[in-house]
mmCIF file of all heavy atoms, coordinates in Angstrom:
data_MODEL
# 
_entry.id   MODEL 
# 
loop_
_atom_site.group_PDB 
_atom_site.id 
_atom_site.type_symbol 
_atom_site.label_atom_id 
_atom_site.label_alt_id 
_atom_site.label_comp_id 
_atom_site.label_asym_id 
_atom_site.label_entity_id 
_atom_site.label_seq_id 
_atom_site.pdbx_PDB_ins_code 
_atom_site.Cartn_x 
_atom_site.Cartn_y 
_atom_site.Cartn_z 
_atom_site.occupancy 
_atom_site.B_iso_or_equiv 
_atom_site.pdbx_formal_charge 
_atom_site.auth_seq_id 
_atom_site.auth_comp_id 
_atom_site.auth_asym_id 
_atom_site.auth_atom_id 
_atom_site.pdbx_PDB_model_num 
ATOM 1   N N   . ILE A 1 1  ? 0.877  -1.229 0.011   1.00 0.00 ? 1  ILE A N   1 
ATOM 2   C CA  . ILE A 1 1  ? 0.056  0.030  0.064   1.00 0.00 ? 1  ILE A CA  1 
ATOM 3   C C   . ILE A 1 1  ? 0.874  1.347  -0.014  1.00 0.00 ? 1  ILE A C   1 
ATOM 4   O O   . ILE A 1 1  ? 0.282  2.392  -0.337  1.00 0.00 ? 1  ILE A O   1 
ATOM 5   C CB  . ILE A 1 1  ? -0.976 0.008  1.193   1.00 0.00 ? 1  ILE A CB  1 
ATOM 6   C CG1 . ILE A 1 1  ? -2.100 0.997  0.956   1.00 0.00 ? 1  ILE A CG1 1 
ATOM 7   C CG2 . ILE A 1 1  ? -0.159 0.223  2.530   1.00 0.00 ? 1  ILE A CG2 1 
ATOM 8   C CD1 . ILE A 1 1  ? -3.090 0.920  2.108   1.00 0.00 ? 1  ILE A CD1 1 
ATOM 9   N N   . LEU A 1 2  ? 2.038  1.112  0.395   1.00 0.00 ? 2  LEU A N   1 
ATOM 10  C CA  . LEU A 1 2  ? 2.955  2.280  0.432   1.00 0.00 ? 2  LEU A CA  1 
ATOM 11  C C   . LEU A 1 2  ? 3.719  2.612  -0.880  1.00 0.00 ? 2  LEU A C   1 
ATOM 12  O O   . LEU A 1 2  ? 4.202  1.638  -1.492  1.00 0.00 ? 2  LEU A O   1 
ATOM 13  C CB  . LEU A 1 2  ? 3.961  2.211  1.549   1.00 0.00 ? 2  LEU A CB  1 
ATOM 14  C CG  . LEU A 1 2  ? 3.333  2.246  2.970   1.00 0.00 ? 2  LEU A CG  1 
ATOM 15  C CD1 . LEU A 1 2  ? 4.508  1.960  4.013   1.00 0.00 ? 2  LEU A CD1 1 
ATOM 16  C CD2 . LEU A 1 2  ? 2.658  3.555  3.270   1.00 0.00 ? 2  LEU A CD2 1 
ATOM 17  N N   . PRO A 1 3  ? 3.675  3.763  -1.316  1.00 0.00 ? 3  PRO A N   1 
ATOM 18  C CA  . PRO A 1 3  ? 4.570  4.095  -2.529  1.00 0.00 ? 3  PRO A CA  1 
ATOM 19  C C   . PRO A 1 3  ? 5.971  4.223  -2.253  1.00 0.00 ? 3  PRO A C   1 
ATOM 20  O O   . PRO A 1 3  ? 6.304  4.261  -1.012  1.00 0.00 ? 3  PRO A O   1 
ATOM 21  C CB  . PRO A 1 3  ? 3.977  5.474  -2.952  1.00 0.00 ? 3  PRO A CB  1 
ATOM 22  C CG  . PRO A 1 3  ? 3.530  6.100  -1.652  1.00 0.00 ? 3  PRO A CG  1 
ATOM 23  C CD  . PRO A 1 3  ? 2.999  4.943  -0.792  1.00 0.00 ? 3  PRO A CD  1 
ATOM 24  N N   . ALA A 1 4  ? 6.838  4.296  -3.279  1.00 0.00 ? 4  ALA A N   1 
ATOM 25  C CA  . ALA A 1 4  ? 8.205  4.597  -3.046  1.00 0.00 ? 4  ALA A CA  1 
ATOM 26  C C   . ALA A 1 4  ? 8.437  5.789  -2.225  1.00 0.00 ? 4  ALA A C   1 
ATOM 27  O O   . ALA A 1 4  ? 7.713  6.813  -2.458  1.00 0.00 ? 4  ALA A O   1 
ATOM 28  C CB  . ALA A 1 4  ? 8.952  4.716  -4.291  1.00 0.00 ? 4  ALA A CB  1 
ATOM 29  N N   . ALA A 1 5  ? 9.231  5.743  -1.158  1.00 0.00 ? 5  ALA A N   1 
ATOM 30  C CA  . ALA A 1 5  ? 9.283  6.823  -0.137  1.00 0.00 ? 5  ALA A CA  1 
ATOM 31  C C   . ALA A 1 5  ? 9.958  8.029  -0.771  1.00 0.00 ? 5  ALA A C   1 
ATOM 32  O O   . ALA A 1 5  ? 10.906 7.837  -1.579  1.00 0.00 ? 5  ALA A O   1 
ATOM 33  C CB  . ALA A 1 5  ? 9.929  6.332  1.050   1.00 0.00 ? 5  ALA A CB  1 
ATOM 34  N N   . LYS A 1 6  ? 9.687  9.123  -0.337  1.00 0.00 ? 6  LYS A N   1 
ATOM 35  C CA  . LYS A 1 6  ? 10.319 10.395 -0.693  1.00 0.00 ? 6  LYS A CA  1 
ATOM 36  C C   . LYS A 1 6  ? 10.777 11.151 0.655   1.00 0.00 ? 6  LYS A C   1 
ATOM 37  O O   . LYS A 1 6  ? 10.550 10.687 1.729   1.00 0.00 ? 6  LYS A O   1 
ATOM 38  C CB  . LYS A 1 6  ? 9.335  11.352 -1.395  1.00 0.00 ? 6  LYS A CB  1 
ATOM 39  C CG  . LYS A 1 6  ? 8.029  11.872 -0.588  1.00 0.00 ? 6  LYS A CG  1 
ATOM 40  C CD  . LYS A 1 6  ? 7.260  12.838 -1.258  1.00 0.00 ? 6  LYS A CD  1 
ATOM 41  C CE  . LYS A 1 6  ? 6.492  12.209 -2.486  1.00 0.00 ? 6  LYS A CE  1 
ATOM 42  N NZ  . LYS A 1 6  ? 5.351  11.353 -2.206  1.00 0.00 ? 6  LYS A NZ  1 
ATOM 43  N N   . TYR A 1 7  ? 11.648 12.233 0.318   1.00 0.00 ? 7  TYR A N   1 
ATOM 44  C CA  . TYR A 1 7  ? 12.100 12.943 1.574   1.00 0.00 ? 7  TYR A CA  1 
ATOM 45  C C   . TYR A 1 7  ? 12.196 14.377 1.106   1.00 0.00 ? 7  TYR A C   1 
ATOM 46  O O   . TYR A 1 7  ? 12.248 14.772 -0.070  1.00 0.00 ? 7  TYR A O   1 
ATOM 47  C CB  . TYR A 1 7  ? 13.406 12.436 2.139   1.00 0.00 ? 7  TYR A CB  1 
ATOM 48  C CG  . TYR A 1 7  ? 14.506 12.390 1.217   1.00 0.00 ? 7  TYR A CG  1 
ATOM 49  C CD1 . TYR A 1 7  ? 15.318 13.539 0.945   1.00 0.00 ? 7  TYR A CD1 1 
ATOM 50  C CD2 . TYR A 1 7  ? 14.890 11.167 0.424   1.00 0.00 ? 7  TYR A CD2 1 
ATOM 51  C CE1 . TYR A 1 7  ? 16.478 13.626 0.082   1.00 0.00 ? 7  TYR A CE1 1 
ATOM 52  C CE2 . TYR A 1 7  ? 15.959 11.217 -0.461  1.00 0.00 ? 7  TYR A CE2 1 
ATOM 53  C CZ  . TYR A 1 7  ? 16.693 12.421 -0.655  1.00 0.00 ? 7  TYR A CZ  1 
ATOM 54  O OH  . TYR A 1 7  ? 17.754 12.307 -1.473  1.00 0.00 ? 7  TYR A OH  1 
ATOM 55  N N   . ARG A 1 8  ? 12.298 15.228 2.188   1.00 0.00 ? 8  ARG A N   1 
ATOM 56  C CA  . ARG A 1 8  ? 12.588 16.612 1.947   1.00 0.00 ? 8  ARG A CA  1 
ATOM 57  C C   . ARG A 1 8  ? 13.496 17.118 3.033   1.00 0.00 ? 8  ARG A C   1 
ATOM 58  O O   . ARG A 1 8  ? 13.301 16.900 4.228   1.00 0.00 ? 8  ARG A O   1 
ATOM 59  C CB  . ARG A 1 8  ? 11.341 17.408 1.967   1.00 0.00 ? 8  ARG A CB  1 
ATOM 60  C CG  . ARG A 1 8  ? 11.599 18.945 1.670   1.00 0.00 ? 8  ARG A CG  1 
ATOM 61  C CD  . ARG A 1 8  ? 10.244 19.722 1.648   1.00 0.00 ? 8  ARG A CD  1 
ATOM 62  N NE  . ARG A 1 8  ? 10.454 21.218 1.355   1.00 0.00 ? 8  ARG A NE  1 
ATOM 63  C CZ  . ARG A 1 8  ? 10.632 21.996 2.268   1.00 0.00 ? 8  ARG A CZ  1 
ATOM 64  N NH1 . ARG A 1 8  ? 10.572 21.672 3.554   1.00 0.00 ? 8  ARG A NH1 1 
ATOM 65  N NH2 . ARG A 1 8  ? 10.833 23.240 1.912   1.00 0.00 ? 8  ARG A NH2 1 
ATOM 66  N N   . LEU A 1 9  ? 14.653 17.618 2.729   1.00 0.00 ? 9  LEU A N   1 
ATOM 67  C CA  . LEU A 1 9  ? 15.758 18.041 3.697   1.00 0.00 ? 9  LEU A CA  1 
ATOM 68  C C   . LEU A 1 9  ? 16.073 19.484 3.409   1.00 0.00 ? 9  LEU A C   1 
ATOM 69  O O   . LEU A 1 9  ? 16.218 19.962 2.264   1.00 0.00 ? 9  LEU A O   1 
ATOM 70  C CB  . LEU A 1 9  ? 16.936 17.214 3.511   1.00 0.00 ? 9  LEU A CB  1 
ATOM 71  C CG  . LEU A 1 9  ? 16.700 15.683 3.853   1.00 0.00 ? 9  LEU A CG  1 
ATOM 72  C CD1 . LEU A 1 9  ? 17.950 14.886 3.420   1.00 0.00 ? 9  LEU A CD1 1 
ATOM 73  C CD2 . LEU A 1 9  ? 16.361 15.474 5.203   1.00 0.00 ? 9  LEU A CD2 1 
ATOM 74  N N   . ALA A 1 10 ? 16.304 20.270 4.435   1.00 0.00 ? 10 ALA A N   1 
ATOM 75  C CA  . ALA A 1 10 ? 16.640 21.723 4.344   1.00 0.00 ? 10 ALA A CA  1 
ATOM 76  C C   . ALA A 1 10 ? 17.296 22.245 5.540   1.00 0.00 ? 10 ALA A C   1 
ATOM 77  O O   . ALA A 1 10 ? 16.875 21.829 6.651   1.00 0.00 ? 10 ALA A O   1 
ATOM 78  C CB  . ALA A 1 10 ? 15.342 22.493 3.979   1.00 0.00 ? 10 ALA A CB  1 
ATOM 79  N N   . THR A 1 11 ? 18.243 23.091 5.337   1.00 0.00 ? 11 THR A N   1 
ATOM 80  C CA  . THR A 1 11 ? 18.891 23.745 6.377   1.00 0.00 ? 11 THR A CA  1 
ATOM 81  C C   . THR A 1 11 ? 19.493 25.167 5.853   1.00 0.00 ? 11 THR A C   1 
ATOM 82  O O   . THR A 1 11 ? 19.472 25.350 4.708   1.00 0.00 ? 11 THR A O   1 
ATOM 83  C CB  . THR A 1 11 ? 20.053 22.939 7.041   1.00 0.00 ? 11 THR A CB  1 
ATOM 84  O OG1 . THR A 1 11 ? 20.569 23.568 8.201   1.00 0.00 ? 11 THR A OG1 1 
ATOM 85  C CG2 . THR A 1 11 ? 21.187 22.741 5.999   1.00 0.00 ? 11 THR A CG2 1 
ATOM 86  N N   . LYS A 1 12 ? 20.011 25.873 6.733   1.00 0.00 ? 12 LYS A N   1 
ATOM 87  C CA  . LYS A 1 12 ? 20.641 27.209 6.457   1.00 0.00 ? 12 LYS A CA  1 
ATOM 88  C C   . LYS A 1 12 ? 22.039 27.151 6.993   1.00 0.00 ? 12 LYS A C   1 
ATOM 89  O O   . LYS A 1 12 ? 22.168 26.889 8.189   1.00 0.00 ? 12 LYS A O   1 
ATOM 90  C CB  . LYS A 1 12 ? 19.808 28.324 6.862   1.00 0.00 ? 12 LYS A CB  1 
ATOM 91  C CG  . LYS A 1 12 ? 20.065 29.580 5.966   1.00 0.00 ? 12 LYS A CG  1 
ATOM 92  C CD  . LYS A 1 12 ? 19.054 30.601 6.180   1.00 0.00 ? 12 LYS A CD  1 
ATOM 93  C CE  . LYS A 1 12 ? 19.069 31.769 5.088   1.00 0.00 ? 12 LYS A CE  1 
ATOM 94  N NZ  . LYS A 1 12 ? 18.003 32.620 5.077   1.00 0.00 ? 12 LYS A NZ  1 
ATOM 95  N N   . ILE A 1 13 ? 22.964 27.549 6.126   1.00 0.00 ? 13 ILE A N   1 
ATOM 96  C CA  . ILE A 1 13 ? 24.397 27.556 6.626   1.00 0.00 ? 13 ILE A CA  1 
ATOM 97  C C   . ILE A 1 13 ? 25.057 28.952 6.255   1.00 0.00 ? 13 ILE A C   1 
ATOM 98  O O   . ILE A 1 13 ? 25.202 29.179 4.963   1.00 0.00 ? 13 ILE A O   1 
ATOM 99  C CB  . ILE A 1 13 ? 25.168 26.401 6.147   1.00 0.00 ? 13 ILE A CB  1 
ATOM 100 C CG1 . ILE A 1 13 ? 24.624 25.011 6.628   1.00 0.00 ? 13 ILE A CG1 1 
ATOM 101 C CG2 . ILE A 1 13 ? 26.732 26.517 6.520   1.00 0.00 ? 13 ILE A CG2 1 
ATOM 102 C CD1 . ILE A 1 13 ? 25.183 23.817 5.967   1.00 0.00 ? 13 ILE A CD1 1 
ATOM 103 N N   . GLU A 1 14 ? 25.283 29.750 7.169   1.00 0.00 ? 14 GLU A N   1 
ATOM 104 C CA  . GLU A 1 14 ? 25.907 31.037 6.985   1.00 0.00 ? 14 GLU A CA  1 
ATOM 105 C C   . GLU A 1 14 ? 25.257 31.848 5.840   1.00 0.00 ? 14 GLU A C   1 
ATOM 106 O O   . GLU A 1 14 ? 25.857 32.264 4.917   1.00 0.00 ? 14 GLU A O   1 
ATOM 107 C CB  . GLU A 1 14 ? 27.416 30.963 6.720   1.00 0.00 ? 14 GLU A CB  1 
ATOM 108 C CG  . GLU A 1 14 ? 28.151 30.537 8.064   1.00 0.00 ? 14 GLU A CG  1 
ATOM 109 C CD  . GLU A 1 14 ? 29.606 30.801 8.082   1.00 0.00 ? 14 GLU A CD  1 
ATOM 110 O OE1 . GLU A 1 14 ? 30.101 31.718 7.095   1.00 0.00 ? 14 GLU A OE1 1 
ATOM 111 O OE2 . GLU A 1 14 ? 30.374 30.299 8.789   1.00 0.00 ? 14 GLU A OE2 1 
ATOM 112 N N   . GLY A 1 15 ? 23.921 32.056 6.036   1.00 0.00 ? 15 GLY A N   1 
ATOM 113 C CA  . GLY A 1 15 ? 23.198 32.743 5.090   1.00 0.00 ? 15 GLY A CA  1 
ATOM 114 C C   . GLY A 1 15 ? 22.820 32.257 3.744   1.00 0.00 ? 15 GLY A C   1 
ATOM 115 O O   . GLY A 1 15 ? 22.212 32.959 2.922   1.00 0.00 ? 15 GLY A O   1 
ATOM 116 N N   . ARG A 1 16 ? 23.127 30.902 3.591   1.00 0.00 ? 16 ARG A N   1 
ATOM 117 C CA  . ARG A 1 16 ? 22.721 30.236 2.376   1.00 0.00 ? 16 ARG A CA  1 
ATOM 118 C C   . ARG A 1 16 ? 21.923 29.007 2.595   1.00 0.00 ? 16 ARG A C   1 
ATOM 119 O O   . ARG A 1 16 ? 22.381 28.174 3.436   1.00 0.00 ? 16 ARG A O   1 
ATOM 120 C CB  . ARG A 1 16 ? 23.959 30.010 1.481   1.00 0.00 ? 16 ARG A CB  1 
ATOM 121 C CG  . ARG A 1 16 ? 24.862 31.111 1.015   1.00 0.00 ? 16 ARG A CG  1 
ATOM 122 C CD  . ARG A 1 16 ? 24.125 31.981 -0.069  1.00 0.00 ? 16 ARG A CD  1 
ATOM 123 N NE  . ARG A 1 16 ? 25.048 33.129 -0.472  1.00 0.00 ? 16 ARG A NE  1 
ATOM 124 C CZ  . ARG A 1 16 ? 25.099 34.243 0.205   1.00 0.00 ? 16 ARG A CZ  1 
ATOM 125 N NH1 . ARG A 1 16 ? 24.315 34.528 1.138   1.00 0.00 ? 16 ARG A NH1 1 
ATOM 126 N NH2 . ARG A 1 16 ? 25.809 35.181 -0.464  1.00 0.00 ? 16 ARG A NH2 1 
ATOM 127 N N   . GLY A 1 17 ? 20.881 28.810 1.917   1.00 0.00 ? 17 GLY A N   1 
ATOM 128 C CA  . GLY A 1 17 ? 20.089 27.548 2.087   1.00 0.00 ? 17 GLY A CA  1 
ATOM 129 C C   . GLY A 1 17 ? 20.890 26.361 1.358   1.00 0.00 ? 17 GLY A C   1 
ATOM 130 O O   . GLY A 1 17 ? 21.506 26.504 0.414   1.00 0.00 ? 17 GLY A O   1 
ATOM 131 N N   . VAL A 1 18 ? 20.613 25.235 2.060   1.00 0.00 ? 18 VAL A N   1 
ATOM 132 C CA  . VAL A 1 18 ? 21.170 23.900 1.569   1.00 0.00 ? 18 VAL A CA  1 
ATOM 133 C C   . VAL A 1 18 ? 19.928 22.976 1.658   1.00 0.00 ? 18 VAL A C   1 
ATOM 134 O O   . VAL A 1 18 ? 19.443 22.808 2.678   1.00 0.00 ? 18 VAL A O   1 
ATOM 135 C CB  . VAL A 1 18 ? 22.326 23.323 2.425   1.00 0.00 ? 18 VAL A CB  1 
ATOM 136 C CG1 . VAL A 1 18 ? 22.757 22.055 1.809   1.00 0.00 ? 18 VAL A CG1 1 
ATOM 137 C CG2 . VAL A 1 18 ? 23.401 24.369 2.468   1.00 0.00 ? 18 VAL A CG2 1 
ATOM 138 N N   . HIS A 1 19 ? 19.532 22.423 0.537   1.00 0.00 ? 19 HIS A N   1 
ATOM 139 C CA  . HIS A 1 19 ? 18.324 21.642 0.533   1.00 0.00 ? 19 HIS A CA  1 
ATOM 140 C C   . HIS A 1 19 ? 18.164 20.694 -0.576  1.00 0.00 ? 19 HIS A C   1 
ATOM 141 O O   . HIS A 1 19 ? 18.839 20.813 -1.623  1.00 0.00 ? 19 HIS A O   1 
ATOM 142 C CB  . HIS A 1 19 ? 17.118 22.753 0.469   1.00 0.00 ? 19 HIS A CB  1 
ATOM 143 C CG  . HIS A 1 19 ? 17.012 23.564 -0.749  1.00 0.00 ? 19 HIS A CG  1 
ATOM 144 N ND1 . HIS A 1 19 ? 16.442 23.201 -1.769  1.00 0.00 ? 19 HIS A ND1 1 
ATOM 145 C CD2 . HIS A 1 19 ? 17.553 24.667 -0.981  1.00 0.00 ? 19 HIS A CD2 1 
ATOM 146 C CE1 . HIS A 1 19 ? 16.510 24.035 -2.770  1.00 0.00 ? 19 HIS A CE1 1 
ATOM 147 N NE2 . HIS A 1 19 ? 17.244 25.127 -2.347  1.00 0.00 ? 19 HIS A NE2 1 
ATOM 148 N N   . SER A 1 20 ? 17.219 19.765 -0.349  1.00 0.00 ? 20 SER A N   1 
ATOM 149 C CA  . SER A 1 20 ? 16.917 18.727 -1.469  1.00 0.00 ? 20 SER A CA  1 
ATOM 150 C C   . SER A 1 20 ? 15.963 19.452 -2.391  1.00 0.00 ? 20 SER A C   1 
ATOM 151 O O   . SER A 1 20 ? 15.374 20.499 -2.024  1.00 0.00 ? 20 SER A O   1 
ATOM 152 C CB  . SER A 1 20 ? 16.215 17.579 -0.842  1.00 0.00 ? 20 SER A CB  1 
ATOM 153 O OG  . SER A 1 20 ? 15.096 17.864 -0.177  1.00 0.00 ? 20 SER A OG  1 
ATOM 154 N N   . PHE A 1 21 ? 16.023 18.975 -3.671  1.00 0.00 ? 21 PHE A N   1 
ATOM 155 C CA  . PHE A 1 21 ? 15.181 19.616 -4.622  1.00 0.00 ? 21 PHE A CA  1 
ATOM 156 C C   . PHE A 1 21 ? 14.676 18.576 -5.659  1.00 0.00 ? 21 PHE A C   1 
ATOM 157 O O   . PHE A 1 21 ? 15.403 17.737 -6.112  1.00 0.00 ? 21 PHE A O   1 
ATOM 158 C CB  . PHE A 1 21 ? 16.069 20.715 -5.411  1.00 0.00 ? 21 PHE A CB  1 
ATOM 159 C CG  . PHE A 1 21 ? 15.368 21.293 -6.656  1.00 0.00 ? 21 PHE A CG  1 
ATOM 160 C CD1 . PHE A 1 21 ? 14.353 22.347 -6.589  1.00 0.00 ? 21 PHE A CD1 1 
ATOM 161 C CD2 . PHE A 1 21 ? 15.739 20.813 -7.915  1.00 0.00 ? 21 PHE A CD2 1 
ATOM 162 C CE1 . PHE A 1 21 ? 13.780 22.741 -7.615  1.00 0.00 ? 21 PHE A CE1 1 
ATOM 163 C CE2 . PHE A 1 21 ? 15.147 21.312 -9.029  1.00 0.00 ? 21 PHE A CE2 1 
ATOM 164 C CZ  . PHE A 1 21 ? 14.280 22.220 -8.922  1.00 0.00 ? 21 PHE A CZ  1 
ATOM 165 N N   . CYS A 1 22 ? 13.259 18.717 -5.907  1.00 0.00 ? 22 CYS A N   1 
ATOM 166 C CA  . CYS A 1 22 ? 12.782 17.841 -6.907  1.00 0.00 ? 22 CYS A CA  1 
ATOM 167 C C   . CYS A 1 22 ? 13.116 16.362 -6.685  1.00 0.00 ? 22 CYS A C   1 
ATOM 168 O O   . CYS A 1 22 ? 13.756 15.681 -7.631  1.00 0.00 ? 22 CYS A O   1 
ATOM 169 C CB  . CYS A 1 22 ? 13.266 18.249 -8.406  1.00 0.00 ? 22 CYS A CB  1 
ATOM 170 S SG  . CYS A 1 22 ? 12.392 17.443 -9.685  1.00 0.00 ? 22 CYS A SG  1 
ATOM 171 N N   . MET A 1 23 ? 12.783 15.875 -5.505  1.00 0.00 ? 23 MET A N   1 
ATOM 172 C CA  . MET A 1 23 ? 13.151 14.541 -5.162  1.00 0.00 ? 23 MET A CA  1 
ATOM 173 C C   . MET A 1 23 ? 12.298 13.441 -5.960  1.00 0.00 ? 23 MET A C   1 
ATOM 174 O O   . MET A 1 23 ? 11.047 13.683 -6.107  1.00 0.00 ? 23 MET A O   1 
ATOM 175 C CB  . MET A 1 23 ? 12.910 14.389 -3.564  1.00 0.00 ? 23 MET A CB  1 
ATOM 176 C CG  . MET A 1 23 ? 13.445 12.971 -3.153  1.00 0.00 ? 23 MET A CG  1 
ATOM 177 S SD  . MET A 1 23 ? 12.491 11.655 -3.126  1.00 0.00 ? 23 MET A SD  1 
ATOM 178 C CE  . MET A 1 23 ? 13.519 10.269 -3.045  1.00 0.00 ? 23 MET A CE  1 
ATOM 179 N N   . CYS A 1 24 ? 12.898 12.491 -6.610  1.00 0.00 ? 24 CYS A N   1 
ATOM 180 C CA  . CYS A 1 24 ? 12.307 11.486 -7.499  1.00 0.00 ? 24 CYS A CA  1 
ATOM 181 C C   . CYS A 1 24 ? 12.377 10.139 -6.938  1.00 0.00 ? 24 CYS A C   1 
ATOM 182 O O   . CYS A 1 24 ? 13.373 9.395  -7.141  1.00 0.00 ? 24 CYS A O   1 
ATOM 183 C CB  . CYS A 1 24 ? 12.872 11.561 -8.886  1.00 0.00 ? 24 CYS A CB  1 
ATOM 184 S SG  . CYS A 1 24 ? 12.739 13.167 -9.720  1.00 0.00 ? 24 CYS A SG  1 
ATOM 185 N N   . PRO A 1 25 ? 11.394 9.665  -6.204  1.00 0.00 ? 25 PRO A N   1 
ATOM 186 C CA  . PRO A 1 25 ? 11.453 8.290  -5.601  1.00 0.00 ? 25 PRO A CA  1 
ATOM 187 C C   . PRO A 1 25 ? 11.153 7.362  -6.800  1.00 0.00 ? 25 PRO A C   1 
ATOM 188 O O   . PRO A 1 25 ? 10.420 7.635  -7.736  1.00 0.00 ? 25 PRO A O   1 
ATOM 189 C CB  . PRO A 1 25 ? 10.290 8.267  -4.643  1.00 0.00 ? 25 PRO A CB  1 
ATOM 190 C CG  . PRO A 1 25 ? 9.365  9.410  -5.153  1.00 0.00 ? 25 PRO A CG  1 
ATOM 191 C CD  . PRO A 1 25 ? 10.245 10.403 -5.765  1.00 0.00 ? 25 PRO A CD  1 
ATOM 192 N N   . GLY A 1 26 ? 11.878 6.241  -6.768  1.00 0.00 ? 26 GLY A N   1 
ATOM 193 C CA  . GLY A 1 26 ? 11.777 5.218  -7.743  1.00 0.00 ? 26 GLY A CA  1 
ATOM 194 C C   . GLY A 1 26 ? 12.017 5.785  -9.228  1.00 0.00 ? 26 GLY A C   1 
ATOM 195 O O   . GLY A 1 26 ? 11.362 5.449  -10.094 1.00 0.00 ? 26 GLY A O   1 
ATOM 196 N N   . GLY A 1 27 ? 13.044 6.627  -9.242  1.00 0.00 ? 27 GLY A N   1 
ATOM 197 C CA  . GLY A 1 27 ? 13.241 7.424  -10.478 1.00 0.00 ? 27 GLY A CA  1 
ATOM 198 C C   . GLY A 1 27 ? 14.482 7.264  -11.202 1.00 0.00 ? 27 GLY A C   1 
ATOM 199 O O   . GLY A 1 27 ? 15.315 6.210  -10.857 1.00 0.00 ? 27 GLY A O   1 
ATOM 200 N N   . PHE A 1 28 ? 14.867 8.129  -12.117 1.00 0.00 ? 28 PHE A N   1 
ATOM 201 C CA  . PHE A 1 28 ? 16.107 7.991  -12.863 1.00 0.00 ? 28 PHE A CA  1 
ATOM 202 C C   . PHE A 1 28 ? 16.767 9.460  -12.971 1.00 0.00 ? 28 PHE A C   1 
ATOM 203 O O   . PHE A 1 28 ? 16.066 10.396 -12.857 1.00 0.00 ? 28 PHE A O   1 
ATOM 204 C CB  . PHE A 1 28 ? 15.763 7.723  -14.335 1.00 0.00 ? 28 PHE A CB  1 
ATOM 205 C CG  . PHE A 1 28 ? 15.014 6.332  -14.475 1.00 0.00 ? 28 PHE A CG  1 
ATOM 206 C CD1 . PHE A 1 28 ? 13.572 6.356  -14.348 1.00 0.00 ? 28 PHE A CD1 1 
ATOM 207 C CD2 . PHE A 1 28 ? 15.676 5.229  -14.735 1.00 0.00 ? 28 PHE A CD2 1 
ATOM 208 C CE1 . PHE A 1 28 ? 12.853 5.180  -14.479 1.00 0.00 ? 28 PHE A CE1 1 
ATOM 209 C CE2 . PHE A 1 28 ? 14.927 3.923  -14.840 1.00 0.00 ? 28 PHE A CE2 1 
ATOM 210 C CZ  . PHE A 1 28 ? 13.622 3.964  -14.703 1.00 0.00 ? 28 PHE A CZ  1 
# 
């Protein structure tokens, strides 16, 4: 019943964002 899992990660380091983008579970 569960689809391929996704995630979203984000933080800020010295005034600049660091983050996941356009996460593609079960992808290419």
